């Protein structure tokens, strides 16, 4: 399994709203495509930061699955304009989980 370890630094005070949309709209859309989400995990030290992992069956499926999400109607017509203005910056680290240690529900 290929896992993106994602860190989001949000604009001050936007984390509750971002997480509500993330949980109710983005996560189900990812799941429908076959991308698994583990998280979110909230930073204890910074109220504007959270983390999550996004899993893909293999490296070859990553780009097509991401394209399906980011080129889809939900992202283009709703989520992009809603979520992107709340993000100050984000970081993605791509890792391989050859032993299947990460368990997505």
PDB file of N, CA and C in Angstrom:
ATOM      1  N   UNK A   1       0.842  -1.175   0.000  1.00  0.00           N
ATOM      2  CA  UNK A   1       0.000   0.000   0.000  1.00  0.00           C
ATOM      3  C   UNK A   1       0.891   1.245   0.000  1.00  0.00           C
ATOM      4  N   UNK A   2       0.437   2.256  -0.728  1.00  0.00           N
ATOM      5  CA  UNK A   2       1.119   3.546  -0.762  1.00  0.00           C
ATOM      6  C   UNK A   2       0.316   4.515   0.101  1.00  0.00           C
ATOM      7  N   UNK A   3       0.997   5.258   0.947  1.00  0.00           N
ATOM      8  CA  UNK A   3       0.324   6.162   1.882  1.00  0.00           C
ATOM      9  C   UNK A   3       0.895   7.566   1.739  1.00  0.00           C
ATOM     10  N   UNK A   4      -0.014   8.527   1.604  1.00  0.00           N
ATOM     11  CA  UNK A   4       0.359   9.939   1.704  1.00  0.00           C
ATOM     12  C   UNK A   4       0.158  10.346   3.155  1.00  0.00           C
ATOM     13  N   UNK A   5       1.197  10.859   3.776  1.00  0.00           N
ATOM     14  CA  UNK A   5       1.108  11.415   5.120  1.00  0.00           C
ATOM     15  C   UNK A   5       0.984  12.920   4.930  1.00  0.00           C
ATOM     16  N   UNK A   6      -0.192  13.465   5.240  1.00  0.00           N
ATOM     17  CA  UNK A   6      -0.516  14.842   4.889  1.00  0.00           C
ATOM     18  C   UNK A   6      -0.638  15.705   6.144  1.00  0.00           C
ATOM     19  N   UNK A   7      -0.007  16.881   6.110  1.00  0.00           N
ATOM     20  CA  UNK A   7      -0.069  17.865   7.186  1.00  0.00           C
ATOM     21  C   UNK A   7      -0.684  19.135   6.622  1.00  0.00           C
ATOM     22  N   UNK A   8      -1.704  19.627   7.276  1.00  0.00           N
ATOM     23  CA  UNK A   8      -2.379  20.852   6.856  1.00  0.00           C
ATOM     24  C   UNK A   8      -2.249  21.920   7.928  1.00  0.00           C
ATOM     25  N   UNK A   9      -1.736  23.063   7.540  1.00  0.00           N
ATOM     26  CA  UNK A   9      -1.694  24.250   8.387  1.00  0.00           C
ATOM     27  C   UNK A   9      -2.788  25.158   7.850  1.00  0.00           C
ATOM     28  N   UNK A  10      -3.803  25.383   8.670  1.00  0.00           N
ATOM     29  CA  UNK A  10      -4.956  26.160   8.249  1.00  0.00           C
ATOM     30  C   UNK A  10      -4.862  27.592   8.746  1.00  0.00           C
ATOM     31  N   UNK A  11      -5.614  28.463   8.107  1.00  0.00           N
ATOM     32  CA  UNK A  11      -5.678  29.848   8.563  1.00  0.00           C
ATOM     33  C   UNK A  11      -6.319  29.857   9.942  1.00  0.00           C
ATOM     34  N   UNK A  12      -5.880  30.767  10.805  1.00  0.00           N
ATOM     35  CA  UNK A  12      -6.353  30.776  12.198  1.00  0.00           C
ATOM     36  C   UNK A  12      -7.874  30.719  12.317  1.00  0.00           C
ATOM     37  N   UNK A  13      -8.315  29.803  13.179  1.00  0.00           N
ATOM     38  CA  UNK A  13      -9.725  29.682  13.510  1.00  0.00           C
ATOM     39  C   UNK A  13     -10.571  28.896  12.530  1.00  0.00           C
ATOM     40  N   UNK A  14      -9.995  28.369  11.455  1.00  0.00           N
ATOM     41  CA  UNK A  14     -10.803  27.679  10.435  1.00  0.00           C
ATOM     42  C   UNK A  14     -10.842  26.160  10.602  1.00  0.00           C
ATOM     43  N   UNK A  15     -10.063  25.628  11.534  1.00  0.00           N
ATOM     44  CA  UNK A  15      -9.986  24.171  11.640  1.00  0.00           C
ATOM     45  C   UNK A  15     -11.339  23.504  11.890  1.00  0.00           C
ATOM     46  N   UNK A  16     -12.192  23.999  12.790  1.00  0.00           N
ATOM     47  CA  UNK A  16     -13.480  23.315  12.989  1.00  0.00           C
ATOM     48  C   UNK A  16     -14.324  23.244  11.712  1.00  0.00           C
ATOM     49  N   UNK A  17     -14.417  24.321  10.979  1.00  0.00           N
ATOM     50  CA  UNK A  17     -15.207  24.331   9.743  1.00  0.00           C
ATOM     51  C   UNK A  17     -14.571  23.422   8.690  1.00  0.00           C
ATOM     52  N   UNK A  18     -13.243  23.502   8.544  1.00  0.00           N
ATOM     53  CA  UNK A  18     -12.551  22.663   7.576  1.00  0.00           C
ATOM     54  C   UNK A  18     -12.800  21.186   7.881  1.00  0.00           C
ATOM     55  N   UNK A  19     -12.653  20.813   9.149  1.00  0.00           N
ATOM     56  CA  UNK A  19     -12.816  19.407   9.531  1.00  0.00           C
ATOM     57  C   UNK A  19     -14.238  18.914   9.319  1.00  0.00           C
ATOM     58  N   UNK A  20     -15.220  19.760   9.539  1.00  0.00           N
ATOM     59  CA  UNK A  20     -16.613  19.364   9.303  1.00  0.00           C
ATOM     60  C   UNK A  20     -16.829  19.017   7.830  1.00  0.00           C
ATOM     61  N   UNK A  21     -16.347  19.869   6.951  1.00  0.00           N
ATOM     62  CA  UNK A  21     -16.475  19.619   5.511  1.00  0.00           C
ATOM     63  C   UNK A  21     -15.631  18.411   5.109  1.00  0.00           C
ATOM     64  N   UNK A  22     -14.428  18.317   5.655  1.00  0.00           N
ATOM     65  CA  UNK A  22     -13.539  17.187   5.368  1.00  0.00           C
ATOM     66  C   UNK A  22     -14.224  15.867   5.712  1.00  0.00           C
ATOM     67  N   UNK A  23     -14.776  15.799   6.920  1.00  0.00           N
ATOM     68  CA  UNK A  23     -15.397  14.559   7.395  1.00  0.00           C
ATOM     69  C   UNK A  23     -16.681  14.209   6.635  1.00  0.00           C
ATOM     70  N   UNK A  24     -17.515  15.204   6.379  1.00  0.00           N
ATOM     71  CA  UNK A  24     -18.844  14.929   5.828  1.00  0.00           C
ATOM     72  C   UNK A  24     -18.882  14.877   4.303  1.00  0.00           C
ATOM     73  N   UNK A  25     -17.968  15.561   3.625  1.00  0.00           N
ATOM     74  CA  UNK A  25     -18.018  15.634   2.164  1.00  0.00           C
ATOM     75  C   UNK A  25     -16.804  14.986   1.494  1.00  0.00           C
ATOM     76  N   UNK A  26     -15.614  15.299   1.978  1.00  0.00           N
ATOM     77  CA  UNK A  26     -14.403  14.837   1.315  1.00  0.00           C
ATOM     78  C   UNK A  26     -14.122  13.357   1.583  1.00  0.00           C
ATOM     79  N   UNK A  27     -14.206  12.944   2.820  1.00  0.00           N
ATOM     80  CA  UNK A  27     -13.900  11.545   3.151  1.00  0.00           C
ATOM     81  C   UNK A  27     -14.836  10.576   2.424  1.00  0.00           C
ATOM     82  N   UNK A  28     -16.154  10.801   2.416  1.00  0.00           N
ATOM     83  CA  UNK A  28     -17.014   9.882   1.651  1.00  0.00           C
ATOM     84  C   UNK A  28     -16.693   9.850   0.156  1.00  0.00           C
ATOM     85  N   UNK A  29     -16.323  10.987  -0.411  1.00  0.00           N
ATOM     86  CA  UNK A  29     -15.963  11.029  -1.836  1.00  0.00           C
ATOM     87  C   UNK A  29     -14.686  10.244  -2.085  1.00  0.00           C
ATOM     88  N   UNK A  30     -13.714  10.360  -1.192  1.00  0.00           N
ATOM     89  CA  UNK A  30     -12.491   9.570  -1.313  1.00  0.00           C
ATOM     90  C   UNK A  30     -12.815   8.077  -1.239  1.00  0.00           C
ATOM     91  N   UNK A  31     -13.637   7.719  -0.280  1.00  0.00           N
ATOM     92  CA  UNK A  31     -13.994   6.317  -0.084  1.00  0.00           C
ATOM     93  C   UNK A  31     -14.688   5.747  -1.314  1.00  0.00           C
ATOM     94  N   UNK A  32     -15.562   6.527  -1.935  1.00  0.00           N
ATOM     95  CA  UNK A  32     -16.274   6.070  -3.129  1.00  0.00           C
ATOM     96  C   UNK A  32     -15.319   5.755  -4.278  1.00  0.00           C
ATOM     97  N   UNK A  33     -14.190   6.445  -4.310  1.00  0.00           N
ATOM     98  CA  UNK A  33     -13.186   6.225  -5.356  1.00  0.00           C
ATOM     99  C   UNK A  33     -12.258   5.066  -5.002  1.00  0.00           C
ATOM    100  N   UNK A  34     -12.182   4.725  -3.718  1.00  0.00           N
ATOM    101  CA  UNK A  34     -11.299   3.657  -3.267  1.00  0.00           C
ATOM    102  C   UNK A  34     -10.072   4.151  -2.529  1.00  0.00           C
ATOM    103  N   UNK A  35      -9.992   5.470  -2.313  1.00  0.00           N
ATOM    104  CA  UNK A  35      -8.904   6.026  -1.503  1.00  0.00           C
ATOM    105  C   UNK A  35      -9.337   5.952  -0.046  1.00  0.00           C
ATOM    106  N   UNK A  36      -8.482   5.426   0.777  1.00  0.00           N
ATOM    107  CA  UNK A  36      -8.804   5.273   2.191  1.00  0.00           C
ATOM    108  C   UNK A  36      -8.201   6.422   2.987  1.00  0.00           C
ATOM    109  N   UNK A  37      -8.946   6.902   3.981  1.00  0.00           N
ATOM    110  CA  UNK A  37      -8.493   7.994   4.839  1.00  0.00           C
ATOM    111  C   UNK A  37      -8.356   7.468   6.262  1.00  0.00           C
ATOM    112  N   UNK A  38      -7.240   7.778   6.893  1.00  0.00           N
ATOM    113  CA  UNK A  38      -7.030   7.495   8.311  1.00  0.00           C
ATOM    114  C   UNK A  38      -6.797   8.835   8.984  1.00  0.00           C
ATOM    115  N   UNK A  39      -7.660   9.175   9.894  1.00  0.00           N
ATOM    116  CA  UNK A  39      -7.603  10.486  10.530  1.00  0.00           C
ATOM    117  C   UNK A  39      -8.941  11.162  10.350  1.00  0.00           C
ATOM    118  N   UNK A  40      -9.005  12.406  10.691  1.00  0.00           N
ATOM    119  CA  UNK A  40      -7.916  13.333  10.971  1.00  0.00           C
ATOM    120  C   UNK A  40      -7.380  13.174  12.393  1.00  0.00           C
ATOM    121  N   UNK A  41      -6.148  13.625  12.535  1.00  0.00           N
ATOM    122  CA  UNK A  41      -5.475  13.705  13.825  1.00  0.00           C
ATOM    123  C   UNK A  41      -5.224  15.177  14.091  1.00  0.00           C
ATOM    124  N   UNK A  42      -5.675  15.661  15.229  1.00  0.00           N
ATOM    125  CA  UNK A  42      -5.569  17.082  15.552  1.00  0.00           C
ATOM    126  C   UNK A  42      -4.316  17.362  16.363  1.00  0.00           C
ATOM    127  N   UNK A  43      -3.578  18.375  15.939  1.00  0.00           N
ATOM    128  CA  UNK A  43      -2.392  18.782  16.689  1.00  0.00           C
ATOM    129  C   UNK A  43      -2.820  19.304  18.059  1.00  0.00           C
ATOM    130  N   UNK A  44      -2.158  18.833  19.071  1.00  0.00           N
ATOM    131  CA  UNK A  44      -2.392  19.331  20.429  1.00  0.00           C
ATOM    132  C   UNK A  44      -1.684  20.662  20.625  1.00  0.00           C
ATOM    133  N   UNK A  45      -0.562  20.851  19.950  1.00  0.00           N
ATOM    134  CA  UNK A  45       0.262  22.043  20.136  1.00  0.00           C
ATOM    135  C   UNK A  45      -0.167  23.228  19.281  1.00  0.00           C
ATOM    136  N   UNK A  46      -0.879  22.979  18.183  1.00  0.00           N
ATOM    137  CA  UNK A  46      -1.260  24.055  17.267  1.00  0.00           C
ATOM    138  C   UNK A  46      -2.715  23.869  16.853  1.00  0.00           C
ATOM    139  N   UNK A  47      -3.604  24.757  17.277  1.00  0.00           N
ATOM    140  CA  UNK A  47      -5.028  24.597  16.985  1.00  0.00           C
ATOM    141  C   UNK A  47      -5.390  24.788  15.513  1.00  0.00           C
ATOM    142  N   UNK A  48      -4.424  25.126  14.687  1.00  0.00           N
ATOM    143  CA  UNK A  48      -4.682  25.339  13.264  1.00  0.00           C
ATOM    144  C   UNK A  48      -4.040  24.265  12.387  1.00  0.00           C
ATOM    145  N   UNK A  49      -3.580  23.176  12.998  1.00  0.00           N
ATOM    146  CA  UNK A  49      -2.904  22.120  12.246  1.00  0.00           C
ATOM    147  C   UNK A  49      -3.588  20.786  12.484  1.00  0.00           C
ATOM    148  N   UNK A  50      -3.675  19.998  11.422  1.00  0.00           N
ATOM    149  CA  UNK A  50      -4.124  18.616  11.560  1.00  0.00           C
ATOM    150  C   UNK A  50      -3.406  17.749  10.539  1.00  0.00           C
ATOM    151  N   UNK A  51      -3.505  16.459  10.751  1.00  0.00           N
ATOM    152  CA  UNK A  51      -2.816  15.465   9.947  1.00  0.00           C
ATOM    153  C   UNK A  51      -3.815  14.400   9.522  1.00  0.00           C
ATOM    154  N   UNK A  52      -3.561  13.770   8.394  1.00  0.00           N
ATOM    155  CA  UNK A  52      -4.291  12.567   8.025  1.00  0.00           C
ATOM    156  C   UNK A  52      -3.456  11.768   7.047  1.00  0.00           C
ATOM    157  N   UNK A  53      -3.829  10.507   6.881  1.00  0.00           N
ATOM    158  CA  UNK A  53      -3.164   9.648   5.908  1.00  0.00           C
ATOM    159  C   UNK A  53      -4.181   9.248   4.849  1.00  0.00           C
ATOM    160  N   UNK A  54      -3.717   9.219   3.612  1.00  0.00           N
ATOM    161  CA  UNK A  54      -4.572   8.816   2.487  1.00  0.00           C
ATOM    162  C   UNK A  54      -3.894   7.640   1.813  1.00  0.00           C
ATOM    163  N   UNK A  55      -4.605   6.520   1.725  1.00  0.00           N
ATOM    164  CA  UNK A  55      -4.021   5.291   1.219  1.00  0.00           C
ATOM    165  C   UNK A  55      -4.490   4.920  -0.172  1.00  0.00           C
ATOM    166  N   UNK A  56      -3.577   4.320  -0.919  1.00  0.00           N
ATOM    167  CA  UNK A  56      -3.810   3.849  -2.284  1.00  0.00           C
ATOM    168  C   UNK A  56      -3.355   2.398  -2.370  1.00  0.00           C
ATOM    169  N   UNK A  57      -4.027   1.594  -3.187  1.00  0.00           N
ATOM    170  CA  UNK A  57      -3.624   0.183  -3.299  1.00  0.00           C
ATOM    171  C   UNK A  57      -2.172   0.005  -3.742  1.00  0.00           C
ATOM    172  N   UNK A  58      -1.716   0.867  -4.676  1.00  0.00           N
ATOM    173  CA  UNK A  58      -0.347   0.778  -5.181  1.00  0.00           C
ATOM    174  C   UNK A  58       0.009   2.111  -5.842  1.00  0.00           C
ATOM    175  N   UNK A  59       1.265   2.259  -6.217  1.00  0.00           N
ATOM    176  CA  UNK A  59       1.734   3.515  -6.794  1.00  0.00           C
ATOM    177  C   UNK A  59       1.056   3.811  -8.130  1.00  0.00           C
ATOM    178  N   UNK A  60       0.806   2.786  -8.925  1.00  0.00           N
ATOM    179  CA  UNK A  60       0.188   2.990 -10.238  1.00  0.00           C
ATOM    180  C   UNK A  60      -1.230   3.545 -10.134  1.00  0.00           C
ATOM    181  N   UNK A  61      -1.929   3.243  -9.071  1.00  0.00           N
ATOM    182  CA  UNK A  61      -3.310   3.716  -8.918  1.00  0.00           C
ATOM    183  C   UNK A  61      -3.399   5.123  -8.330  1.00  0.00           C
ATOM    184  N   UNK A  62      -2.325   5.611  -7.769  1.00  0.00           N
ATOM    185  CA  UNK A  62      -2.370   6.896  -7.055  1.00  0.00           C
ATOM    186  C   UNK A  62      -2.800   8.051  -7.950  1.00  0.00           C
ATOM    187  N   UNK A  63      -2.111   8.281  -9.040  1.00  0.00           N
ATOM    188  CA  UNK A  63      -2.429   9.435  -9.879  1.00  0.00           C
ATOM    189  C   UNK A  63      -3.824   9.347 -10.498  1.00  0.00           C
ATOM    190  N   UNK A  64      -4.227   8.201 -11.054  1.00  0.00           N
ATOM    191  CA  UNK A  64      -5.589   8.134 -11.588  1.00  0.00           C
ATOM    192  C   UNK A  64      -6.674   8.353 -10.539  1.00  0.00           C
ATOM    193  N   UNK A  65      -6.464   7.846  -9.335  1.00  0.00           N
ATOM    194  CA  UNK A  65      -7.454   8.028  -8.276  1.00  0.00           C
ATOM    195  C   UNK A  65      -7.505   9.484  -7.835  1.00  0.00           C
ATOM    196  N   UNK A  66      -6.345  10.110  -7.698  1.00  0.00           N
ATOM    197  CA  UNK A  66      -6.324  11.528  -7.344  1.00  0.00           C
ATOM    198  C   UNK A  66      -7.000  12.354  -8.431  1.00  0.00           C
ATOM    199  N   UNK A  67      -6.727  12.043  -9.683  1.00  0.00           N
ATOM    200  CA  UNK A  67      -7.340  12.781 -10.796  1.00  0.00           C
ATOM    201  C   UNK A  67      -8.858  12.625 -10.764  1.00  0.00           C
ATOM    202  N   UNK A  68      -9.333  11.434 -10.453  1.00  0.00           N
ATOM    203  CA  UNK A  68     -10.776  11.210 -10.382  1.00  0.00           C
ATOM    204  C   UNK A  68     -11.406  12.115  -9.330  1.00  0.00           C
ATOM    205  N   UNK A  69     -10.726  12.297  -8.198  1.00  0.00           N
ATOM    206  CA  UNK A  69     -11.248  13.167  -7.140  1.00  0.00           C
ATOM    207  C   UNK A  69     -11.131  14.640  -7.536  1.00  0.00           C
ATOM    208  N   UNK A  70      -9.924  15.077  -7.888  1.00  0.00           N
ATOM    209  CA  UNK A  70      -9.688  16.499  -8.116  1.00  0.00           C
ATOM    210  C   UNK A  70     -10.264  17.028  -9.428  1.00  0.00           C
ATOM    211  N   UNK A  71     -10.584  16.153 -10.348  1.00  0.00           N
ATOM    212  CA  UNK A  71     -11.227  16.581 -11.586  1.00  0.00           C
ATOM    213  C   UNK A  71     -12.730  16.338 -11.554  1.00  0.00           C
ATOM    214  N   UNK A  72     -13.217  15.801 -10.451  1.00  0.00           N
ATOM    215  CA  UNK A  72     -14.638  15.497 -10.302  1.00  0.00           C
ATOM    216  C   UNK A  72     -15.468  16.723  -9.965  1.00  0.00           C
ATOM    217  N   UNK A  73     -16.769  16.581 -10.135  1.00  0.00           N
ATOM    218  CA  UNK A  73     -17.703  17.682  -9.916  1.00  0.00           C
ATOM    219  C   UNK A  73     -17.695  18.178  -8.475  1.00  0.00           C
ATOM    220  N   UNK A  74     -17.631  17.271  -7.507  1.00  0.00           N
ATOM    221  CA  UNK A  74     -17.661  17.690  -6.099  1.00  0.00           C
ATOM    222  C   UNK A  74     -16.501  18.626  -5.796  1.00  0.00           C
ATOM    223  N   UNK A  75     -15.288  18.246  -6.198  1.00  0.00           N
ATOM    224  CA  UNK A  75     -14.128  19.096  -5.935  1.00  0.00           C
ATOM    225  C   UNK A  75     -14.237  20.405  -6.716  1.00  0.00           C
ATOM    226  N   UNK A  76     -14.450  20.313  -7.998  1.00  0.00           N
ATOM    227  CA  UNK A  76     -14.444  21.490  -8.864  1.00  0.00           C
ATOM    228  C   UNK A  76     -15.582  22.461  -8.546  1.00  0.00           C
ATOM    229  N   UNK A  77     -16.776  21.949  -8.245  1.00  0.00           N
ATOM    230  CA  UNK A  77     -17.941  22.801  -8.072  1.00  0.00           C
ATOM    231  C   UNK A  77     -18.214  23.214  -6.634  1.00  0.00           C
ATOM    232  N   UNK A  78     -17.572  22.542  -5.666  1.00  0.00           N
ATOM    233  CA  UNK A  78     -17.894  22.832  -4.275  1.00  0.00           C
ATOM    234  C   UNK A  78     -16.660  22.916  -3.373  1.00  0.00           C
ATOM    235  N   UNK A  79     -15.950  21.801  -3.242  1.00  0.00           N
ATOM    236  CA  UNK A  79     -14.914  21.714  -2.215  1.00  0.00           C
ATOM    237  C   UNK A  79     -13.705  22.596  -2.475  1.00  0.00           C
ATOM    238  N   UNK A  80     -13.271  22.717  -3.719  1.00  0.00           N
ATOM    239  CA  UNK A  80     -12.088  23.523  -4.004  1.00  0.00           C
ATOM    240  C   UNK A  80     -12.279  24.968  -3.537  1.00  0.00           C
ATOM    241  N   UNK A  81     -13.409  25.566  -3.881  1.00  0.00           N
ATOM    242  CA  UNK A  81     -13.657  26.964  -3.504  1.00  0.00           C
ATOM    243  C   UNK A  81     -13.958  27.136  -2.030  1.00  0.00           C
ATOM    244  N   UNK A  82     -14.397  26.089  -1.382  1.00  0.00           N
ATOM    245  CA  UNK A  82     -14.704  26.137   0.040  1.00  0.00           C
ATOM    246  C   UNK A  82     -13.469  25.880   0.904  1.00  0.00           C
ATOM    247  N   UNK A  83     -12.687  24.858   0.542  1.00  0.00           N
ATOM    248  CA  UNK A  83     -11.580  24.428   1.397  1.00  0.00           C
ATOM    249  C   UNK A  83     -10.261  25.147   1.135  1.00  0.00           C
ATOM    250  N   UNK A  84      -9.931  25.368  -0.123  1.00  0.00           N
ATOM    251  CA  UNK A  84      -8.616  25.945  -0.434  1.00  0.00           C
ATOM    252  C   UNK A  84      -8.371  27.307   0.230  1.00  0.00           C
ATOM    253  N   UNK A  85      -9.361  28.201   0.320  1.00  0.00           N
ATOM    254  CA  UNK A  85      -9.107  29.481   0.996  1.00  0.00           C
ATOM    255  C   UNK A  85      -8.779  29.345   2.484  1.00  0.00           C
ATOM    256  N   UNK A  86      -9.107  28.205   3.086  1.00  0.00           N
ATOM    257  CA  UNK A  86      -8.814  28.002   4.511  1.00  0.00           C
ATOM    258  C   UNK A  86      -7.407  27.469   4.745  1.00  0.00           C
ATOM    259  N   UNK A  87      -6.746  27.005   3.702  1.00  0.00           N
ATOM    260  CA  UNK A  87      -5.432  26.376   3.852  1.00  0.00           C
ATOM    261  C   UNK A  87      -4.328  27.406   3.706  1.00  0.00           C
ATOM    262  N   UNK A  88      -3.490  27.482   4.733  1.00  0.00           N
ATOM    263  CA  UNK A  88      -2.298  28.329   4.675  1.00  0.00           C
ATOM    264  C   UNK A  88      -1.188  27.613   3.907  1.00  0.00           C
ATOM    265  N   UNK A  89      -0.980  26.349   4.256  1.00  0.00           N
ATOM    266  CA  UNK A  89      -0.008  25.505   3.547  1.00  0.00           C
ATOM    267  C   UNK A  89      -0.277  24.059   3.901  1.00  0.00           C
ATOM    268  N   UNK A  90       0.252  23.178   3.059  1.00  0.00           N
ATOM    269  CA  UNK A  90       0.158  21.747   3.360  1.00  0.00           C
ATOM    270  C   UNK A  90       1.414  21.056   2.868  1.00  0.00           C
ATOM    271  N   UNK A  91       1.661  19.892   3.451  1.00  0.00           N
ATOM    272  CA  UNK A  91       2.842  19.112   3.106  1.00  0.00           C
ATOM    273  C   UNK A  91       2.414  17.662   2.941  1.00  0.00           C
ATOM    274  N   UNK A  92       2.996  17.001   1.948  1.00  0.00           N
ATOM    275  CA  UNK A  92       2.687  15.600   1.685  1.00  0.00           C
ATOM    276  C   UNK A  92       3.985  14.810   1.636  1.00  0.00           C
ATOM    277  N   UNK A  93       4.037  13.737   2.403  1.00  0.00           N
ATOM    278  CA  UNK A  93       5.153  12.794   2.359  1.00  0.00           C
ATOM    279  C   UNK A  93       4.585  11.467   1.877  1.00  0.00           C
ATOM    280  N   UNK A  94       5.143  10.944   0.811  1.00  0.00           N
ATOM    281  CA  UNK A  94       4.680   9.690   0.223  1.00  0.00           C
ATOM    282  C   UNK A  94       5.543   8.551   0.746  1.00  0.00           C
ATOM    283  N   UNK A  95       4.891   7.537   1.313  1.00  0.00           N
ATOM    284  CA  UNK A  95       5.627   6.407   1.882  1.00  0.00           C
ATOM    285  C   UNK A  95       5.021   5.100   1.385  1.00  0.00           C
ATOM    286  N   UNK A  96       5.823   4.066   1.416  1.00  0.00           N
ATOM    287  CA  UNK A  96       5.383   2.716   1.084  1.00  0.00           C
ATOM    288  C   UNK A  96       5.145   1.971   2.392  1.00  0.00           C
ATOM    289  N   UNK A  97       4.080   1.209   2.444  1.00  0.00           N
ATOM    290  CA  UNK A  97       3.753   0.389   3.604  1.00  0.00           C
ATOM    291  C   UNK A  97       3.796  -1.080   3.174  1.00  0.00           C
ATOM    292  N   UNK A  98       5.003  -1.610   2.909  1.00  0.00           N
ATOM    293  CA  UNK A  98       5.116  -2.961   2.343  1.00  0.00           C
ATOM    294  C   UNK A  98       4.613  -4.067   3.253  1.00  0.00           C
ATOM    295  N   UNK A  99       4.633  -3.822   4.548  1.00  0.00           N
ATOM    296  CA  UNK A  99       4.202  -4.843   5.493  1.00  0.00           C
ATOM    297  C   UNK A  99       2.725  -4.708   5.893  1.00  0.00           C
ATOM    298  N   UNK A 100       2.045  -3.716   5.325  1.00  0.00           N
ATOM    299  CA  UNK A 100       0.622  -3.532   5.630  1.00  0.00           C
ATOM    300  C   UNK A 100       0.352  -3.161   7.073  1.00  0.00           C
ATOM    301  N   UNK A 101       1.230  -2.357   7.655  1.00  0.00           N
ATOM    302  CA  UNK A 101       1.063  -1.987   9.061  1.00  0.00           C
ATOM    303  C   UNK A 101      -0.038  -0.961   9.279  1.00  0.00           C
ATOM    304  N   UNK A 102      -0.286  -0.114   8.291  1.00  0.00           N
ATOM    305  CA  UNK A 102      -1.329   0.893   8.402  1.00  0.00           C
ATOM    306  C   UNK A 102      -2.663   0.214   8.106  1.00  0.00           C
ATOM    307  N   UNK A 103      -3.626   0.359   9.009  1.00  0.00           N
ATOM    308  CA  UNK A 103      -4.940  -0.256   8.855  1.00  0.00           C
ATOM    309  C   UNK A 103      -5.985   0.837   8.651  1.00  0.00           C
ATOM    310  N   UNK A 104      -6.566   0.848   7.486  1.00  0.00           N
ATOM    311  CA  UNK A 104      -7.648   1.776   7.199  1.00  0.00           C
ATOM    312  C   UNK A 104      -8.966   1.052   7.423  1.00  0.00           C
ATOM    313  N   UNK A 105      -9.938   1.738   7.988  1.00  0.00           N
ATOM    314  CA  UNK A 105     -11.256   1.125   8.238  1.00  0.00           C
ATOM    315  C   UNK A 105     -12.066   1.100   6.980  1.00  0.00           C
TER     316      UNK A 105
END
